[in-house]
Amino acid sequence: KLSAADAAASVGVTQVMSFAVFGVLVVISAAIAGSSNAAKALTPPHWAYIALAILVGLALIVLALPAGRKQILRRVVAVANQVIPRLLDVAQRPVKLAQGIGGTVLVSVAYILCLAASVRAVGGNHIPLASIAVVYLAGNAAGSFIPTPGGIGAVETALSLALAGAGMHPAPAITAVLLFRTVTFWLPVLVGWVSLHYLQRRDAI
């Protein structure tokens, strides 16, 4: 069993690695998609700029308030104190670093391929894989800004809109996203719930 501090530090390191890998995958996917005819299909709609402006405005308002700045600074410092020592420890061990980065890449690629399979299942064969990768990464990032458990509602909406922007009709896009979320989110939740109760009965956790 891990202590609360070690568990928080491990999660923080995972998030840092995920963010770094996310940035690299976005650049690679966007470059590949931009070199194909799908580049025009990925042009953001006007509402996306409005939504971005609203988010930036809200962030500036929070930062302008002393209480908001204090709360953000407190959280950043707390996370940094937990994550930085563990991150430095992992960085000094190349095998552990490779395992962390490799695992994060494999998870992201698996999600992208699952979304691609869901899109193909509803007839979206004309959407290139690189475009689907951009859709997943951008949609998942946009959905994560909304503080709902597991991104429920936010991720579905963001991915559906991104697929529609990539050239899919709205109805098939929504169907593909719901299929994707069922396989990657709802079914694992059920398995995790059963596993948790099994381990609790055996006093393993």
N, C-alpha and C. Protein backbone atom coordinates (compact mmCIF):
# COMPACT_ATOMS: atom_id res chain seq x y z
N LYS A 1 0.83 -1.19 0.00
CA LYS A 1 0.00 0.00 0.00
C LYS A 1 0.87 1.25 0.00
N LEU A 2 0.44 2.27 -0.75
CA LEU A 2 1.14 3.53 -0.80
C LEU A 2 0.55 4.50 0.21
N SER A 3 1.41 5.36 0.72
CA SER A 3 0.91 6.42 1.59
C SER A 3 0.17 7.45 0.74
N ALA A 4 -0.58 8.32 1.41
CA ALA A 4 -1.33 9.34 0.68
C ALA A 4 -0.39 10.27 -0.09
N ALA A 5 0.75 10.60 0.52
CA ALA A 5 1.71 11.49 -0.14
C ALA A 5 2.31 10.82 -1.38
N ASP A 6 2.71 9.54 -1.24
CA ASP A 6 3.29 8.82 -2.38
C ASP A 6 2.26 8.64 -3.49
N ALA A 7 1.02 8.37 -3.13
CA ALA A 7 -0.02 8.19 -4.14
C ALA A 7 -0.26 9.49 -4.89
N ALA A 8 -0.32 10.61 -4.16
CA ALA A 8 -0.52 11.90 -4.81
C ALA A 8 0.66 12.25 -5.71
N ALA A 9 1.87 11.96 -5.25
CA ALA A 9 3.05 12.24 -6.05
C ALA A 9 3.07 11.39 -7.32
N SER A 10 2.69 10.12 -7.20
CA SER A 10 2.67 9.24 -8.36
C SER A 10 1.66 9.72 -9.39
N VAL A 11 0.48 10.12 -8.92
CA VAL A 11 -0.53 10.65 -9.84
C VAL A 11 -0.04 11.93 -10.51
N GLY A 12 0.64 12.78 -9.74
CA GLY A 12 1.17 14.02 -10.30
C GLY A 12 2.20 13.76 -11.38
N VAL A 13 3.10 12.81 -11.14
CA VAL A 13 4.10 12.46 -12.14
C VAL A 13 3.44 11.93 -13.40
N THR A 14 2.42 11.10 -13.22
CA THR A 14 1.69 10.57 -14.37
C THR A 14 1.06 11.69 -15.19
N GLN A 15 0.49 12.68 -14.51
CA GLN A 15 -0.13 13.80 -15.21
C GLN A 15 0.89 14.63 -15.95
N VAL A 16 2.07 14.83 -15.36
CA VAL A 16 3.12 15.58 -16.03
C VAL A 16 3.57 14.86 -17.29
N MET A 17 3.78 13.55 -17.19
CA MET A 17 4.19 12.76 -18.36
C MET A 17 3.10 12.77 -19.42
N SER A 18 1.86 12.64 -18.99
CA SER A 18 0.74 12.64 -19.93
C SER A 18 0.67 13.97 -20.68
N PHE A 19 0.90 15.08 -19.97
CA PHE A 19 0.86 16.38 -20.60
C PHE A 19 1.98 16.52 -21.63
N ALA A 20 3.19 16.04 -21.29
CA ALA A 20 4.31 16.13 -22.22
C ALA A 20 4.05 15.28 -23.47
N VAL A 21 3.59 14.06 -23.26
CA VAL A 21 3.29 13.18 -24.39
C VAL A 21 2.15 13.74 -25.22
N PHE A 22 1.15 14.33 -24.54
CA PHE A 22 0.03 14.95 -25.25
C PHE A 22 0.51 16.02 -26.21
N GLY A 23 1.43 16.87 -25.76
CA GLY A 23 1.94 17.92 -26.62
C GLY A 23 2.65 17.38 -27.84
N VAL A 24 3.46 16.35 -27.64
CA VAL A 24 4.20 15.75 -28.76
C VAL A 24 3.24 15.11 -29.76
N LEU A 25 2.24 14.37 -29.25
CA LEU A 25 1.28 13.71 -30.14
C LEU A 25 0.44 14.73 -30.91
N VAL A 26 0.09 15.83 -30.27
CA VAL A 26 -0.67 16.87 -30.97
C VAL A 26 0.13 17.43 -32.14
N VAL A 27 1.41 17.72 -31.91
CA VAL A 27 2.25 18.27 -32.96
C VAL A 27 2.40 17.28 -34.12
N ILE A 28 2.67 16.00 -33.78
CA ILE A 28 2.84 14.99 -34.82
C ILE A 28 1.55 14.78 -35.60
N SER A 29 0.44 14.63 -34.90
CA SER A 29 -0.85 14.38 -35.56
C SER A 29 -1.27 15.57 -36.41
N ALA A 30 -1.08 16.78 -35.89
CA ALA A 30 -1.45 17.97 -36.65
C ALA A 30 -0.59 18.12 -37.90
N ALA A 31 0.70 17.76 -37.77
CA ALA A 31 1.58 17.85 -38.94
C ALA A 31 1.17 16.85 -40.02
N ILE A 32 0.83 15.62 -39.60
CA ILE A 32 0.39 14.62 -40.57
C ILE A 32 -0.94 15.01 -41.20
N ALA A 33 -1.88 15.45 -40.36
CA ALA A 33 -3.19 15.85 -40.88
C ALA A 33 -3.07 17.07 -41.77
N GLY A 34 -2.16 17.97 -41.43
CA GLY A 34 -1.99 19.18 -42.22
C GLY A 34 -1.37 18.92 -43.58
N SER A 35 -0.70 17.79 -43.73
CA SER A 35 -0.09 17.46 -45.01
C SER A 35 -1.06 16.74 -45.93
N SER A 36 -2.27 16.46 -45.45
CA SER A 36 -3.27 15.77 -46.25
C SER A 36 -4.39 16.72 -46.62
N ASN A 37 -5.33 16.21 -47.37
CA ASN A 37 -6.47 17.02 -47.79
C ASN A 37 -7.44 17.26 -46.64
N ALA A 38 -7.19 16.60 -45.50
CA ALA A 38 -8.09 16.76 -44.37
C ALA A 38 -7.83 18.04 -43.58
N ALA A 39 -6.81 18.78 -43.97
CA ALA A 39 -6.47 19.98 -43.20
C ALA A 39 -7.61 20.97 -43.17
N LYS A 40 -8.30 21.15 -44.32
CA LYS A 40 -9.40 22.11 -44.37
C LYS A 40 -10.55 21.69 -43.48
N ALA A 41 -10.74 20.38 -43.35
CA ALA A 41 -11.86 19.88 -42.55
C ALA A 41 -11.67 20.14 -41.07
N LEU A 42 -10.41 20.41 -40.68
CA LEU A 42 -10.12 20.60 -39.27
C LEU A 42 -10.11 22.07 -38.87
N THR A 43 -10.54 22.95 -39.78
CA THR A 43 -10.60 24.35 -39.44
C THR A 43 -11.65 24.58 -38.37
N PRO A 44 -11.29 25.19 -37.24
CA PRO A 44 -12.26 25.37 -36.15
C PRO A 44 -13.42 26.25 -36.59
N PRO A 45 -14.63 25.95 -36.16
CA PRO A 45 -15.78 26.81 -36.45
C PRO A 45 -15.71 28.09 -35.64
N HIS A 46 -16.56 29.06 -35.99
CA HIS A 46 -16.51 30.36 -35.33
C HIS A 46 -16.82 30.25 -33.84
N TRP A 47 -17.74 29.33 -33.47
CA TRP A 47 -18.11 29.22 -32.06
C TRP A 47 -16.93 28.77 -31.20
N ALA A 48 -15.97 28.06 -31.82
CA ALA A 48 -14.81 27.60 -31.05
C ALA A 48 -13.97 28.79 -30.58
N TYR A 49 -13.85 29.80 -31.43
CA TYR A 49 -13.10 30.99 -31.03
C TYR A 49 -13.83 31.75 -29.93
N ILE A 50 -15.16 31.78 -30.02
CA ILE A 50 -15.94 32.44 -28.97
C ILE A 50 -15.78 31.71 -27.64
N ALA A 51 -15.86 30.36 -27.69
CA ALA A 51 -15.71 29.57 -26.47
C ALA A 51 -14.32 29.77 -25.87
N LEU A 52 -13.29 29.82 -26.74
CA LEU A 52 -11.92 30.02 -26.27
C LEU A 52 -11.80 31.39 -25.60
N ALA A 53 -12.41 32.40 -26.20
CA ALA A 53 -12.36 33.75 -25.62
C ALA A 53 -13.05 33.78 -24.26
N ILE A 54 -14.17 33.06 -24.13
CA ILE A 54 -14.87 33.01 -22.84
C ILE A 54 -14.01 32.34 -21.77
N LEU A 55 -13.36 31.22 -22.15
CA LEU A 55 -12.50 30.52 -21.20
C LEU A 55 -11.33 31.40 -20.75
N VAL A 56 -10.72 32.09 -21.72
CA VAL A 56 -9.61 32.99 -21.37
C VAL A 56 -10.10 34.11 -20.46
N GLY A 57 -11.28 34.65 -20.76
CA GLY A 57 -11.84 35.71 -19.93
C GLY A 57 -12.09 35.25 -18.51
N LEU A 58 -12.65 34.05 -18.36
CA LEU A 58 -12.90 33.51 -17.02
C LEU A 58 -11.59 33.29 -16.26
N ALA A 59 -10.58 32.80 -16.98
CA ALA A 59 -9.28 32.58 -16.34
C ALA A 59 -8.68 33.90 -15.87
N LEU A 60 -8.81 34.94 -16.68
CA LEU A 60 -8.27 36.26 -16.31
C LEU A 60 -9.02 36.84 -15.11
N ILE A 61 -10.34 36.60 -15.05
CA ILE A 61 -11.12 37.09 -13.92
C ILE A 61 -10.67 36.42 -12.62
N VAL A 62 -10.48 35.09 -12.70
CA VAL A 62 -10.03 34.36 -11.51
C VAL A 62 -8.66 34.85 -11.06
N LEU A 63 -7.75 35.08 -12.02
CA LEU A 63 -6.42 35.54 -11.67
C LEU A 63 -6.43 36.97 -11.15
N ALA A 64 -7.43 37.76 -11.55
CA ALA A 64 -7.51 39.15 -11.09
C ALA A 64 -7.97 39.26 -9.65
N LEU A 65 -8.65 38.24 -9.15
CA LEU A 65 -9.15 38.25 -7.77
C LEU A 65 -8.07 37.74 -6.82
N PRO A 66 -7.80 38.44 -5.73
CA PRO A 66 -6.78 37.98 -4.77
C PRO A 66 -7.06 36.57 -4.24
N ALA A 67 -8.33 36.28 -3.94
CA ALA A 67 -8.67 34.95 -3.44
C ALA A 67 -8.39 33.88 -4.50
N GLY A 68 -8.67 34.21 -5.77
CA GLY A 68 -8.41 33.26 -6.85
C GLY A 68 -6.93 32.98 -7.02
N ARG A 69 -6.13 34.06 -7.00
CA ARG A 69 -4.68 33.88 -7.12
C ARG A 69 -4.12 33.07 -5.96
N LYS A 70 -4.61 33.35 -4.75
CA LYS A 70 -4.13 32.63 -3.58
C LYS A 70 -4.46 31.15 -3.65
N GLN A 71 -5.68 30.84 -4.11
CA GLN A 71 -6.10 29.44 -4.21
C GLN A 71 -5.27 28.70 -5.26
N ILE A 72 -5.07 29.33 -6.41
CA ILE A 72 -4.28 28.70 -7.48
C ILE A 72 -2.84 28.51 -7.03
N LEU A 73 -2.26 29.54 -6.40
CA LEU A 73 -0.86 29.44 -5.95
C LEU A 73 -0.71 28.34 -4.92
N ARG A 74 -1.68 28.23 -4.01
CA ARG A 74 -1.61 27.20 -2.97
C ARG A 74 -1.62 25.81 -3.59
N ARG A 75 -2.48 25.62 -4.58
CA ARG A 75 -2.57 24.30 -5.21
C ARG A 75 -1.32 23.99 -6.03
N VAL A 76 -0.82 25.00 -6.75
CA VAL A 76 0.37 24.78 -7.56
C VAL A 76 1.57 24.42 -6.70
N VAL A 77 1.73 25.14 -5.59
CA VAL A 77 2.86 24.88 -4.69
C VAL A 77 2.74 23.49 -4.07
N ALA A 78 1.52 23.11 -3.66
CA ALA A 78 1.32 21.80 -3.05
C ALA A 78 1.64 20.68 -4.04
N VAL A 79 1.17 20.84 -5.28
CA VAL A 79 1.45 19.82 -6.29
C VAL A 79 2.93 19.77 -6.63
N ALA A 80 3.56 20.95 -6.76
CA ALA A 80 4.98 20.99 -7.11
C ALA A 80 5.83 20.33 -6.03
N ASN A 81 5.49 20.57 -4.77
CA ASN A 81 6.26 19.97 -3.68
C ASN A 81 6.17 18.45 -3.68
N GLN A 82 5.06 17.91 -4.15
CA GLN A 82 4.89 16.47 -4.19
C GLN A 82 5.49 15.86 -5.45
N VAL A 83 5.31 16.56 -6.58
CA VAL A 83 5.65 15.97 -7.87
C VAL A 83 7.13 16.11 -8.21
N ILE A 84 7.71 17.29 -7.96
CA ILE A 84 9.07 17.54 -8.43
C ILE A 84 10.08 16.53 -7.87
N PRO A 85 10.10 16.24 -6.55
CA PRO A 85 11.07 15.24 -6.07
C PRO A 85 10.88 13.87 -6.73
N ARG A 86 9.61 13.43 -6.87
CA ARG A 86 9.37 12.13 -7.50
C ARG A 86 9.76 12.16 -8.98
N LEU A 87 9.49 13.27 -9.66
CA LEU A 87 9.84 13.39 -11.07
C LEU A 87 11.35 13.37 -11.27
N LEU A 88 12.10 14.04 -10.39
CA LEU A 88 13.56 14.03 -10.47
C LEU A 88 14.09 12.62 -10.21
N ASP A 89 13.45 11.91 -9.28
CA ASP A 89 13.87 10.54 -8.99
C ASP A 89 13.67 9.64 -10.20
N VAL A 90 12.52 9.79 -10.87
CA VAL A 90 12.25 8.98 -12.05
C VAL A 90 13.19 9.35 -13.19
N ALA A 91 13.48 10.65 -13.35
CA ALA A 91 14.36 11.10 -14.44
C ALA A 91 15.77 10.54 -14.32
N GLN A 92 16.18 10.21 -13.10
CA GLN A 92 17.53 9.67 -12.89
C GLN A 92 17.59 8.17 -13.14
N ARG A 93 16.43 7.56 -13.40
CA ARG A 93 16.40 6.13 -13.70
C ARG A 93 15.80 5.93 -15.08
N PRO A 94 16.67 5.77 -16.11
CA PRO A 94 16.20 5.72 -17.49
C PRO A 94 15.16 4.64 -17.76
N VAL A 95 15.29 3.50 -17.08
CA VAL A 95 14.32 2.42 -17.31
C VAL A 95 12.94 2.83 -16.84
N LYS A 96 12.86 3.40 -15.65
CA LYS A 96 11.57 3.86 -15.12
C LYS A 96 10.99 4.98 -15.99
N LEU A 97 11.86 5.88 -16.45
CA LEU A 97 11.40 6.98 -17.30
C LEU A 97 10.84 6.44 -18.61
N ALA A 98 11.55 5.47 -19.20
CA ALA A 98 11.08 4.88 -20.45
C ALA A 98 9.76 4.15 -20.24
N GLN A 99 9.63 3.46 -19.11
CA GLN A 99 8.37 2.77 -18.82
C GLN A 99 7.22 3.75 -18.69
N GLY A 100 7.46 4.87 -18.00
CA GLY A 100 6.41 5.87 -17.82
C GLY A 100 5.98 6.51 -19.13
N ILE A 101 6.96 6.94 -19.91
CA ILE A 101 6.64 7.58 -21.19
C ILE A 101 6.03 6.58 -22.16
N GLY A 102 6.63 5.38 -22.21
CA GLY A 102 6.11 4.36 -23.11
C GLY A 102 4.68 3.97 -22.78
N GLY A 103 4.39 3.82 -21.49
CA GLY A 103 3.04 3.47 -21.09
C GLY A 103 2.04 4.56 -21.45
N THR A 104 2.44 5.81 -21.25
CA THR A 104 1.55 6.94 -21.58
C THR A 104 1.28 7.00 -23.07
N VAL A 105 2.32 6.78 -23.88
CA VAL A 105 2.14 6.78 -25.33
C VAL A 105 1.21 5.66 -25.77
N LEU A 106 1.42 4.46 -25.22
CA LEU A 106 0.59 3.32 -25.60
C LEU A 106 -0.88 3.55 -25.24
N VAL A 107 -1.12 4.15 -24.06
CA VAL A 107 -2.51 4.42 -23.66
C VAL A 107 -3.16 5.40 -24.63
N SER A 108 -2.43 6.48 -24.97
CA SER A 108 -2.99 7.48 -25.88
C SER A 108 -3.24 6.88 -27.26
N VAL A 109 -2.30 6.09 -27.76
CA VAL A 109 -2.47 5.47 -29.07
C VAL A 109 -3.64 4.49 -29.06
N ALA A 110 -3.79 3.76 -27.97
CA ALA A 110 -4.91 2.81 -27.87
C ALA A 110 -6.25 3.54 -27.91
N TYR A 111 -6.35 4.67 -27.21
CA TYR A 111 -7.59 5.46 -27.23
C TYR A 111 -7.86 6.00 -28.64
N ILE A 112 -6.82 6.46 -29.31
CA ILE A 112 -7.00 6.98 -30.67
C ILE A 112 -7.48 5.89 -31.62
N LEU A 113 -6.89 4.70 -31.52
CA LEU A 113 -7.30 3.59 -32.37
C LEU A 113 -8.72 3.14 -32.05
N CYS A 114 -9.08 3.19 -30.77
CA CYS A 114 -10.45 2.82 -30.39
C CYS A 114 -11.45 3.82 -30.95
N LEU A 115 -11.13 5.10 -30.89
CA LEU A 115 -12.02 6.11 -31.48
C LEU A 115 -12.10 5.93 -32.99
N ALA A 116 -10.97 5.62 -33.62
CA ALA A 116 -10.97 5.38 -35.06
C ALA A 116 -11.85 4.19 -35.41
N ALA A 117 -11.77 3.12 -34.62
CA ALA A 117 -12.61 1.95 -34.87
C ALA A 117 -14.09 2.30 -34.70
N SER A 118 -14.40 3.13 -33.71
CA SER A 118 -15.78 3.55 -33.49
C SER A 118 -16.29 4.39 -34.66
N VAL A 119 -15.42 5.27 -35.17
CA VAL A 119 -15.79 6.09 -36.32
C VAL A 119 -16.02 5.23 -37.55
N ARG A 120 -15.14 4.26 -37.77
CA ARG A 120 -15.30 3.36 -38.92
C ARG A 120 -16.58 2.53 -38.79
N ALA A 121 -16.94 2.17 -37.55
CA ALA A 121 -18.11 1.32 -37.33
C ALA A 121 -19.41 2.01 -37.73
N VAL A 122 -19.42 3.34 -37.71
CA VAL A 122 -20.65 4.07 -38.06
C VAL A 122 -20.55 4.69 -39.45
N GLY A 123 -19.57 4.25 -40.22
CA GLY A 123 -19.47 4.70 -41.61
C GLY A 123 -18.57 5.89 -41.85
N GLY A 124 -17.72 6.24 -40.90
CA GLY A 124 -16.82 7.38 -41.10
C GLY A 124 -15.51 6.98 -41.72
N ASN A 125 -15.57 6.20 -42.79
CA ASN A 125 -14.33 5.71 -43.41
C ASN A 125 -13.55 6.81 -44.11
N HIS A 126 -14.18 7.95 -44.37
CA HIS A 126 -13.51 9.03 -45.08
C HIS A 126 -12.68 9.91 -44.15
N ILE A 127 -12.75 9.67 -42.85
CA ILE A 127 -11.98 10.48 -41.90
C ILE A 127 -10.60 9.84 -41.69
N PRO A 128 -9.52 10.52 -42.05
CA PRO A 128 -8.18 9.93 -41.89
C PRO A 128 -7.82 9.70 -40.42
N LEU A 129 -6.94 8.74 -40.20
CA LEU A 129 -6.53 8.41 -38.84
C LEU A 129 -5.85 9.60 -38.16
N ALA A 130 -5.03 10.35 -38.92
CA ALA A 130 -4.36 11.51 -38.33
C ALA A 130 -5.37 12.55 -37.87
N SER A 131 -6.44 12.72 -38.64
CA SER A 131 -7.48 13.68 -38.24
C SER A 131 -8.20 13.19 -36.99
N ILE A 132 -8.44 11.89 -36.89
CA ILE A 132 -9.09 11.34 -35.70
C ILE A 132 -8.18 11.52 -34.49
N ALA A 133 -6.87 11.39 -34.68
CA ALA A 133 -5.93 11.61 -33.57
C ALA A 133 -6.02 13.05 -33.08
N VAL A 134 -6.06 14.00 -34.01
CA VAL A 134 -6.19 15.41 -33.63
C VAL A 134 -7.51 15.63 -32.91
N VAL A 135 -8.58 15.02 -33.43
CA VAL A 135 -9.91 15.16 -32.83
C VAL A 135 -9.89 14.64 -31.39
N TYR A 136 -9.31 13.45 -31.19
CA TYR A 136 -9.27 12.88 -29.84
C TYR A 136 -8.48 13.75 -28.88
N LEU A 137 -7.28 14.15 -29.30
CA LEU A 137 -6.42 14.93 -28.41
C LEU A 137 -7.02 16.29 -28.10
N ALA A 138 -7.54 16.96 -29.13
CA ALA A 138 -8.13 18.28 -28.91
C ALA A 138 -9.43 18.17 -28.13
N GLY A 139 -10.27 17.21 -28.51
CA GLY A 139 -11.56 17.05 -27.81
C GLY A 139 -11.38 16.63 -26.37
N ASN A 140 -10.45 15.74 -26.11
CA ASN A 140 -10.21 15.29 -24.75
C ASN A 140 -9.66 16.43 -23.88
N ALA A 141 -8.78 17.24 -24.47
CA ALA A 141 -8.23 18.39 -23.73
C ALA A 141 -9.32 19.41 -23.44
N ALA A 142 -10.17 19.68 -24.43
CA ALA A 142 -11.25 20.64 -24.23
C ALA A 142 -12.23 20.14 -23.17
N GLY A 143 -12.54 18.85 -23.22
CA GLY A 143 -13.47 18.29 -22.25
C GLY A 143 -12.92 18.29 -20.84
N SER A 144 -11.60 18.21 -20.70
CA SER A 144 -11.00 18.16 -19.37
C SER A 144 -11.09 19.49 -18.64
N PHE A 145 -11.36 20.58 -19.36
CA PHE A 145 -11.50 21.87 -18.70
C PHE A 145 -12.78 21.95 -17.88
N ILE A 146 -13.77 21.10 -18.20
CA ILE A 146 -15.03 21.12 -17.47
C ILE A 146 -14.91 20.16 -16.30
N PRO A 147 -15.06 20.63 -15.07
CA PRO A 147 -14.84 19.79 -13.88
C PRO A 147 -15.99 18.84 -13.58
N THR A 148 -16.19 17.86 -14.45
CA THR A 148 -17.19 16.82 -14.19
C THR A 148 -16.46 15.50 -13.97
N PRO A 149 -17.00 14.59 -13.16
CA PRO A 149 -16.32 13.31 -12.90
C PRO A 149 -16.10 12.52 -14.19
N GLY A 150 -14.84 12.23 -14.48
CA GLY A 150 -14.52 11.48 -15.68
C GLY A 150 -14.81 12.23 -16.96
N GLY A 151 -15.05 13.53 -16.84
CA GLY A 151 -15.36 14.31 -18.04
C GLY A 151 -16.71 13.98 -18.64
N ILE A 152 -17.62 13.42 -17.82
CA ILE A 152 -18.94 13.01 -18.32
C ILE A 152 -19.67 14.23 -18.91
N GLY A 153 -20.15 14.07 -20.10
CA GLY A 153 -20.87 15.14 -20.78
C GLY A 153 -19.94 16.07 -21.54
N ALA A 154 -18.88 16.52 -20.88
CA ALA A 154 -17.96 17.46 -21.51
C ALA A 154 -17.15 16.79 -22.62
N VAL A 155 -16.59 15.61 -22.33
CA VAL A 155 -15.79 14.90 -23.33
C VAL A 155 -16.66 14.48 -24.51
N GLU A 156 -17.85 13.96 -24.21
CA GLU A 156 -18.75 13.54 -25.29
C GLU A 156 -19.09 14.70 -26.21
N THR A 157 -19.41 15.84 -25.61
CA THR A 157 -19.76 17.01 -26.41
C THR A 157 -18.58 17.49 -27.24
N ALA A 158 -17.41 17.58 -26.61
CA ALA A 158 -16.22 18.08 -27.30
C ALA A 158 -15.82 17.16 -28.46
N LEU A 159 -15.83 15.85 -28.21
CA LEU A 159 -15.46 14.91 -29.27
C LEU A 159 -16.48 14.91 -30.41
N SER A 160 -17.76 14.99 -30.07
CA SER A 160 -18.80 15.01 -31.12
C SER A 160 -18.65 16.25 -32.00
N LEU A 161 -18.44 17.41 -31.38
CA LEU A 161 -18.26 18.64 -32.15
C LEU A 161 -16.99 18.59 -32.98
N ALA A 162 -15.92 18.00 -32.42
CA ALA A 162 -14.66 17.91 -33.16
C ALA A 162 -14.80 16.98 -34.36
N LEU A 163 -15.50 15.86 -34.20
CA LEU A 163 -15.72 14.95 -35.32
C LEU A 163 -16.58 15.61 -36.39
N ALA A 164 -17.59 16.36 -35.95
CA ALA A 164 -18.42 17.09 -36.92
C ALA A 164 -17.57 18.11 -37.68
N GLY A 165 -16.66 18.76 -36.97
CA GLY A 165 -15.76 19.70 -37.63
C GLY A 165 -14.79 19.04 -38.57
N ALA A 166 -14.51 17.74 -38.34
CA ALA A 166 -13.59 17.00 -39.20
C ALA A 166 -14.28 16.43 -40.43
N GLY A 167 -15.61 16.62 -40.55
CA GLY A 167 -16.28 16.19 -41.77
C GLY A 167 -17.37 15.16 -41.59
N MET A 168 -17.65 14.72 -40.37
CA MET A 168 -18.72 13.75 -40.15
C MET A 168 -20.05 14.47 -39.94
N HIS A 169 -21.13 13.80 -40.32
CA HIS A 169 -22.46 14.32 -40.01
C HIS A 169 -22.68 14.21 -38.50
N PRO A 170 -23.46 15.13 -37.93
CA PRO A 170 -23.62 15.15 -36.47
C PRO A 170 -24.12 13.84 -35.87
N ALA A 171 -25.13 13.21 -36.49
CA ALA A 171 -25.70 11.99 -35.90
C ALA A 171 -24.68 10.85 -35.83
N PRO A 172 -23.98 10.52 -36.93
CA PRO A 172 -22.94 9.48 -36.84
C PRO A 172 -21.81 9.87 -35.89
N ALA A 173 -21.48 11.16 -35.82
CA ALA A 173 -20.41 11.60 -34.92
C ALA A 173 -20.78 11.33 -33.47
N ILE A 174 -22.02 11.66 -33.10
CA ILE A 174 -22.48 11.41 -31.73
C ILE A 174 -22.51 9.92 -31.43
N THR A 175 -22.98 9.13 -32.41
CA THR A 175 -23.03 7.67 -32.22
C THR A 175 -21.64 7.09 -32.01
N ALA A 176 -20.67 7.55 -32.82
CA ALA A 176 -19.30 7.06 -32.69
C ALA A 176 -18.72 7.41 -31.33
N VAL A 177 -18.98 8.62 -30.86
CA VAL A 177 -18.45 9.05 -29.57
C VAL A 177 -19.08 8.26 -28.43
N LEU A 178 -20.39 8.03 -28.50
CA LEU A 178 -21.05 7.25 -27.45
C LEU A 178 -20.53 5.82 -27.42
N LEU A 179 -20.28 5.24 -28.59
CA LEU A 179 -19.70 3.90 -28.66
C LEU A 179 -18.30 3.90 -28.06
N PHE A 180 -17.52 4.89 -28.41
CA PHE A 180 -16.15 5.02 -27.90
C PHE A 180 -16.14 5.16 -26.38
N ARG A 181 -17.01 6.01 -25.83
CA ARG A 181 -17.05 6.23 -24.39
C ARG A 181 -17.60 5.01 -23.64
N THR A 182 -18.49 4.27 -24.28
CA THR A 182 -19.01 3.06 -23.65
C THR A 182 -17.89 2.04 -23.45
N VAL A 183 -17.07 1.88 -24.49
CA VAL A 183 -15.99 0.88 -24.45
C VAL A 183 -14.85 1.33 -23.54
N THR A 184 -14.51 2.62 -23.58
CA THR A 184 -13.31 3.08 -22.87
C THR A 184 -13.60 3.66 -21.49
N PHE A 185 -14.86 3.97 -21.19
CA PHE A 185 -15.17 4.58 -19.90
C PHE A 185 -16.17 3.78 -19.09
N TRP A 186 -17.36 3.55 -19.63
CA TRP A 186 -18.42 2.93 -18.84
C TRP A 186 -18.15 1.47 -18.53
N LEU A 187 -17.69 0.69 -19.49
CA LEU A 187 -17.40 -0.72 -19.22
C LEU A 187 -16.24 -0.88 -18.22
N PRO A 188 -15.13 -0.12 -18.35
CA PRO A 188 -14.08 -0.21 -17.33
C PRO A 188 -14.56 0.19 -15.94
N VAL A 189 -15.50 1.15 -15.86
CA VAL A 189 -16.04 1.54 -14.55
C VAL A 189 -16.74 0.35 -13.90
N LEU A 190 -17.51 -0.38 -14.68
CA LEU A 190 -18.20 -1.56 -14.15
C LEU A 190 -17.20 -2.62 -13.67
N VAL A 191 -16.19 -2.88 -14.50
CA VAL A 191 -15.16 -3.86 -14.13
C VAL A 191 -14.42 -3.40 -12.88
N GLY A 192 -14.09 -2.09 -12.82
CA GLY A 192 -13.38 -1.56 -11.66
C GLY A 192 -14.21 -1.65 -10.39
N TRP A 193 -15.51 -1.41 -10.50
CA TRP A 193 -16.39 -1.49 -9.33
C TRP A 193 -16.44 -2.92 -8.78
N VAL A 194 -16.55 -3.89 -9.68
CA VAL A 194 -16.58 -5.29 -9.26
C VAL A 194 -15.23 -5.67 -8.63
N SER A 195 -14.13 -5.24 -9.25
CA SER A 195 -12.80 -5.56 -8.74
C SER A 195 -12.57 -4.94 -7.37
N LEU A 196 -13.04 -3.70 -7.20
CA LEU A 196 -12.87 -3.02 -5.92
C LEU A 196 -13.56 -3.78 -4.79
N HIS A 197 -14.79 -4.19 -5.02
CA HIS A 197 -15.52 -4.91 -3.98
C HIS A 197 -14.89 -6.28 -3.71
N TYR A 198 -14.38 -6.92 -4.75
CA TYR A 198 -13.71 -8.22 -4.56
C TYR A 198 -12.47 -8.06 -3.69
N LEU A 199 -11.65 -7.04 -3.98
CA LEU A 199 -10.43 -6.81 -3.22
C LEU A 199 -10.72 -6.37 -1.80
N GLN A 200 -11.80 -5.61 -1.62
CA GLN A 200 -12.18 -5.19 -0.26
C GLN A 200 -12.63 -6.38 0.58
N ARG A 201 -13.34 -7.31 -0.03
CA ARG A 201 -13.78 -8.50 0.71
C ARG A 201 -12.59 -9.36 1.13
N ARG A 202 -11.52 -9.34 0.35
CA ARG A 202 -10.33 -10.11 0.68
C ARG A 202 -9.32 -9.30 1.49
N ASP A 203 -9.72 -8.10 1.92
CA ASP A 203 -8.86 -7.22 2.72
C ASP A 203 -7.55 -6.90 2.01
N ALA A 204 -7.60 -6.83 0.67
CA ALA A 204 -6.39 -6.50 -0.10
C ALA A 204 -6.18 -5.00 -0.15
N ILE A 205 -7.26 -4.25 0.00
CA ILE A 205 -7.14 -2.80 0.02
C ILE A 205 -8.05 -2.24 1.13
